[in-house]
């Protein structure tokens, strides 16, 4: 259980590190775009190789397909609702947000973090060791999220202390979500684990398409394609180790 808490906290700490970088170091928009594009590639690979491939192997194509579509649909519905409040800017560094939108940005970030962290906890169930690919992919993708969201919130006159408290709470939520994934999915039937893994994969892919990829291209331009490809290659290398 404590391993799940630790690794969930590690993945969530990347948002905090990204926020610190945005506050302390001036980082150009195109660099944020390149980092996000690389994280996108790694996260796509983690969803495909670690979550969906294992899901098909353990629970079959029906459980995987239903879980995957359900995860994407649930994320999209929630994303649509909170985007109306300004959470569509949670990965935007060039747009200022209202105070009302600030809370929506925080909720959107939590919504991104929960399914990722649950799957980190679930990955500890079968072999007792965490999925390195999943942890690395989520960690890399969370850094630019902290960078972009914090830059936008600073432009909206959020205090540095308030911003750091928000992202520290994301770290805590990530750790607790990982623990929940470990505790509640332990001893679950294979088809349930498969469906949950696919559900997480669907949510991650929907999140990538709706938030990470547009921001990466907006900030980095066409060259982000090669960074995304590099991230996917790294995930393939990590999966084969």
Protein backbone atom coordinates (compact mmCIF):
# COMPACT_ATOMS: atom_id res chain seq x y z
CA UNK A 1 0.00 0.00 0.00
CA UNK A 2 2.71 2.47 0.93
CA UNK A 3 4.52 1.73 -2.31
CA UNK A 4 1.37 2.82 -4.13
CA UNK A 5 1.21 6.03 -2.08
CA UNK A 6 4.88 6.75 -2.77
CA UNK A 7 4.74 6.22 -6.55
CA UNK A 8 1.47 8.11 -6.87
CA UNK A 9 3.09 10.99 -5.02
CA UNK A 10 6.14 10.82 -7.29
CA UNK A 11 4.00 11.15 -10.41
CA UNK A 12 1.98 13.99 -8.86
CA UNK A 13 5.10 15.82 -7.71
CA UNK A 14 5.93 16.61 -11.34
CA UNK A 15 3.09 19.16 -11.43
CA UNK A 16 4.63 20.83 -8.38
CA UNK A 17 8.09 20.82 -9.98
CA UNK A 18 6.66 22.32 -13.16
CA UNK A 19 4.99 25.04 -11.09
CA UNK A 20 8.27 25.82 -9.31
CA UNK A 21 10.05 26.06 -12.65
CA UNK A 22 7.40 28.46 -13.99
CA UNK A 23 7.74 30.66 -10.89
CA UNK A 24 11.54 30.65 -10.60
CA UNK A 25 12.79 30.24 -14.17
CA UNK A 26 11.58 32.09 -17.28
CA UNK A 27 10.86 29.33 -19.80
CA UNK A 28 10.02 30.08 -23.43
CA UNK A 29 6.71 28.93 -24.83
CA UNK A 30 8.29 26.75 -27.50
CA UNK A 31 10.30 24.85 -24.88
CA UNK A 32 7.09 24.12 -22.96
CA UNK A 33 5.57 22.91 -26.22
CA UNK A 34 8.50 20.58 -26.93
CA UNK A 35 8.37 19.10 -23.40
CA UNK A 36 4.62 18.60 -23.68
CA UNK A 37 4.97 16.97 -27.11
CA UNK A 38 7.59 14.57 -25.76
CA UNK A 39 5.39 13.77 -22.77
CA UNK A 40 2.47 13.18 -25.12
CA UNK A 41 4.44 10.56 -27.05
CA UNK A 42 5.56 8.77 -23.89
CA UNK A 43 2.03 8.81 -22.47
CA UNK A 44 0.51 7.44 -25.69
CA UNK A 45 3.01 4.59 -25.56
CA UNK A 46 2.28 3.90 -21.90
CA UNK A 47 -1.46 3.76 -22.57
CA UNK A 48 -1.00 1.46 -25.56
CA UNK A 49 1.78 -0.85 -24.35
CA UNK A 50 1.17 -0.91 -20.60
CA UNK A 51 -2.59 -0.50 -20.21
CA UNK A 52 -4.33 -1.65 -23.38
CA UNK A 53 -2.00 -4.48 -24.38
CA UNK A 54 -2.10 -5.98 -20.89
CA UNK A 55 -5.85 -5.43 -20.74
CA UNK A 56 -6.44 -7.43 -23.93
CA UNK A 57 -4.11 -10.16 -22.70
CA UNK A 58 -5.74 -10.45 -19.26
CA UNK A 59 -9.39 -9.77 -19.93
CA UNK A 60 -10.02 -10.07 -23.65
CA UNK A 61 -11.05 -7.59 -26.32
CA UNK A 62 -14.62 -7.08 -25.11
CA UNK A 63 -13.70 -5.98 -21.59
CA UNK A 64 -10.92 -3.86 -23.03
CA UNK A 65 -13.08 -2.24 -25.67
CA UNK A 66 -15.94 -1.44 -23.31
CA UNK A 67 -13.59 -0.06 -20.66
CA UNK A 68 -11.64 2.00 -23.19
CA UNK A 69 -14.71 3.65 -24.75
CA UNK A 70 -16.24 4.23 -21.31
CA UNK A 71 -13.04 5.92 -20.06
CA UNK A 72 -12.82 8.20 -23.08
CA UNK A 73 -16.54 9.05 -22.89
CA UNK A 74 -16.50 9.84 -19.17
CA UNK A 75 -13.40 12.03 -19.47
CA UNK A 76 -14.84 13.85 -22.50
CA UNK A 77 -18.16 14.52 -20.73
CA UNK A 78 -16.45 15.86 -17.60
CA UNK A 79 -13.98 17.85 -19.67
CA UNK A 80 -16.84 19.41 -21.62
CA UNK A 81 -18.59 20.47 -18.41
CA UNK A 82 -15.59 22.04 -16.68
CA UNK A 83 -14.27 23.61 -19.90
CA UNK A 84 -17.30 25.90 -19.85
CA UNK A 85 -15.91 27.29 -16.58
CA UNK A 86 -12.43 27.92 -17.99
CA UNK A 87 -10.67 24.59 -17.40
CA UNK A 88 -9.89 24.38 -21.12
CA UNK A 89 -7.07 26.79 -20.25
CA UNK A 90 -5.46 24.46 -17.71
CA UNK A 91 -2.61 23.65 -20.07
CA UNK A 92 -2.42 27.11 -21.63
CA UNK A 93 0.47 29.41 -20.77
CA UNK A 94 -0.52 32.30 -23.02
CA UNK A 95 -4.07 32.94 -21.80
CA UNK A 96 -5.04 34.62 -18.57
CA UNK A 97 -7.96 33.24 -16.62
CA UNK A 98 -10.56 34.72 -14.34
CA UNK A 99 -10.63 33.87 -10.65
CA UNK A 100 -13.62 31.63 -11.31
CA UNK A 101 -11.70 29.82 -14.04
CA UNK A 102 -8.82 29.21 -11.63
CA UNK A 103 -10.84 26.71 -9.63
CA UNK A 104 -11.94 25.00 -12.85
CA UNK A 105 -8.29 24.75 -13.94
CA UNK A 106 -7.47 23.07 -10.65
CA UNK A 107 -10.42 20.66 -10.97
CA UNK A 108 -9.37 19.84 -14.53
CA UNK A 109 -5.82 19.08 -13.41
CA UNK A 110 -7.13 16.79 -10.69
CA UNK A 111 -9.37 15.12 -13.27
CA UNK A 112 -6.28 14.44 -15.40
CA UNK A 113 -4.31 13.07 -12.44
CA UNK A 114 -6.81 10.67 -10.85
CA UNK A 115 -7.09 7.96 -13.56
CA UNK A 116 -3.34 8.04 -14.13
CA UNK A 117 -2.59 7.57 -10.43
CA UNK A 118 -5.18 4.82 -10.00
CA UNK A 119 -3.43 2.81 -12.72
CA UNK A 120 -0.06 3.30 -11.01
CA UNK A 121 -1.50 1.73 -7.87
CA UNK A 122 -3.14 -1.06 -9.85
CA UNK A 123 0.16 -1.86 -11.58
CA UNK A 124 1.58 -2.92 -8.19
CA UNK A 125 -1.03 -5.64 -7.68
CA UNK A 126 0.19 -8.37 -10.02
CA UNK A 127 3.96 -8.30 -9.71
CA UNK A 128 4.58 -6.24 -6.60
CA UNK A 129 6.73 -3.77 -8.54
CA UNK A 130 5.50 -0.56 -10.09
CA UNK A 131 5.17 -0.02 -13.83
CA UNK A 132 8.21 2.14 -14.57
CA UNK A 133 6.87 3.04 -17.99
CA UNK A 134 3.63 4.35 -16.50
CA UNK A 135 5.36 6.35 -13.75
CA UNK A 136 7.90 7.89 -16.16
CA UNK A 137 5.24 8.70 -18.75
CA UNK A 138 2.94 10.40 -16.23
CA UNK A 139 5.84 12.24 -14.57
CA UNK A 140 7.09 13.65 -17.89
CA UNK A 141 3.61 14.67 -19.00
CA UNK A 142 2.85 16.37 -15.67
CA UNK A 143 5.85 18.73 -15.80
CA UNK A 144 4.59 20.83 -18.74
CA UNK A 145 1.10 20.77 -17.21
CA UNK A 146 2.51 22.44 -14.10
CA UNK A 147 4.49 24.88 -16.26
CA UNK A 148 1.59 25.93 -18.48
CA UNK A 149 -1.11 26.06 -15.83
CA UNK A 150 1.05 28.03 -13.41
CA UNK A 151 2.07 30.57 -16.05
CA UNK A 152 -1.58 31.15 -16.88
CA UNK A 153 -2.59 31.45 -13.21
CA UNK A 154 0.25 33.93 -12.53
CA UNK A 155 -1.11 36.11 -15.33
CA UNK A 156 -4.48 35.96 -13.58
CA UNK A 157 -2.99 37.43 -10.37
CA UNK A 158 -3.01 34.21 -8.36
CA UNK A 159 -0.42 34.46 -5.60
CA UNK A 160 2.58 32.14 -5.74
CA UNK A 161 1.66 30.72 -2.33
CA UNK A 162 -1.87 29.90 -3.44
CA UNK A 163 -0.62 28.29 -6.64
CA UNK A 164 1.87 26.10 -4.76
CA UNK A 165 -0.84 25.03 -2.30
CA UNK A 166 -3.10 24.04 -5.20
CA UNK A 167 -0.41 21.90 -6.84
CA UNK A 168 0.70 20.39 -3.54
CA UNK A 169 -2.87 19.21 -3.05
CA UNK A 170 -2.66 17.58 -6.50
CA UNK A 171 0.36 15.63 -5.23
CA UNK A 172 -1.66 14.44 -2.21
CA UNK A 173 -4.65 13.52 -4.38
CA UNK A 174 -2.37 11.59 -6.75
CA UNK A 175 -0.89 9.63 -3.85
CA UNK A 176 -4.33 8.81 -2.42
CA UNK A 177 -5.68 7.84 -5.86
CA UNK A 178 -2.77 5.47 -6.35
CA UNK A 179 -3.43 3.91 -2.94
CA UNK A 180 -7.11 3.54 -3.86
CA UNK A 181 -6.21 1.80 -7.10
CA UNK A 182 -4.09 -0.67 -5.16
CA UNK A 183 -6.57 -1.33 -2.34
CA UNK A 184 -9.83 -1.50 -4.23
CA UNK A 185 -8.59 -3.46 -7.23
CA UNK A 186 -6.65 -6.02 -5.22
CA UNK A 187 -8.16 -9.49 -5.62
CA UNK A 188 -10.47 -8.23 -8.38
CA UNK A 189 -11.18 -10.67 -11.25
CA UNK A 190 -8.98 -10.39 -14.33
CA UNK A 191 -11.75 -8.98 -16.49
CA UNK A 192 -12.39 -6.20 -13.93
CA UNK A 193 -8.70 -5.28 -13.83
CA UNK A 194 -8.64 -5.37 -17.64
CA UNK A 195 -11.69 -3.11 -17.90
CA UNK A 196 -10.27 -0.66 -15.34
CA UNK A 197 -6.91 -0.52 -17.11
CA UNK A 198 -8.68 0.11 -20.41
CA UNK A 199 -10.90 2.72 -18.71
CA UNK A 200 -7.78 4.55 -17.53
CA UNK A 201 -6.23 4.21 -20.98
CA UNK A 202 -9.33 5.67 -22.62
CA UNK A 203 -9.35 8.62 -20.25
CA UNK A 204 -5.64 9.25 -20.84
CA UNK A 205 -5.97 9.15 -24.63
CA UNK A 206 -8.97 11.50 -24.54
CA UNK A 207 -7.04 13.88 -22.27
CA UNK A 208 -4.03 13.83 -24.60
CA UNK A 209 -6.15 14.62 -27.66
CA UNK A 210 -8.21 17.38 -26.06
CA UNK A 211 -5.61 19.19 -23.96
CA UNK A 212 -1.97 18.16 -24.44
CA UNK A 213 -1.65 17.89 -28.21
CA UNK A 214 -3.34 21.24 -29.02
CA UNK A 215 -1.16 23.06 -26.47
CA UNK A 216 2.03 21.37 -27.70
CA UNK A 217 1.38 22.39 -31.30
CA UNK A 218 0.23 25.88 -30.32
CA UNK A 219 3.43 26.55 -28.37
CA UNK A 220 5.97 24.53 -30.37
CA UNK A 221 4.70 24.49 -33.95
CA UNK A 222 5.13 21.68 -36.51
CA UNK A 223 8.46 20.55 -35.02
CA UNK A 224 6.53 19.12 -32.07
CA UNK A 225 5.81 16.09 -34.27
CA UNK A 226 9.39 14.85 -33.98
CA UNK A 227 9.35 15.31 -30.20
CA UNK A 228 6.13 13.31 -29.94
CA UNK A 229 7.66 10.55 -32.07
CA UNK A 230 10.76 10.56 -29.85
CA UNK A 231 8.58 10.20 -26.76
CA UNK A 232 6.74 7.25 -28.27
CA UNK A 233 10.05 5.60 -29.16
CA UNK A 234 11.29 6.05 -25.59
CA UNK A 235 8.13 4.40 -24.26
CA UNK A 236 8.71 1.46 -26.62
CA UNK A 237 12.31 1.11 -25.37
CA UNK A 238 11.19 1.25 -21.73
CA UNK A 239 8.45 -1.33 -22.36
CA UNK A 240 10.91 -3.75 -23.93
CA UNK A 241 13.43 -3.54 -21.08
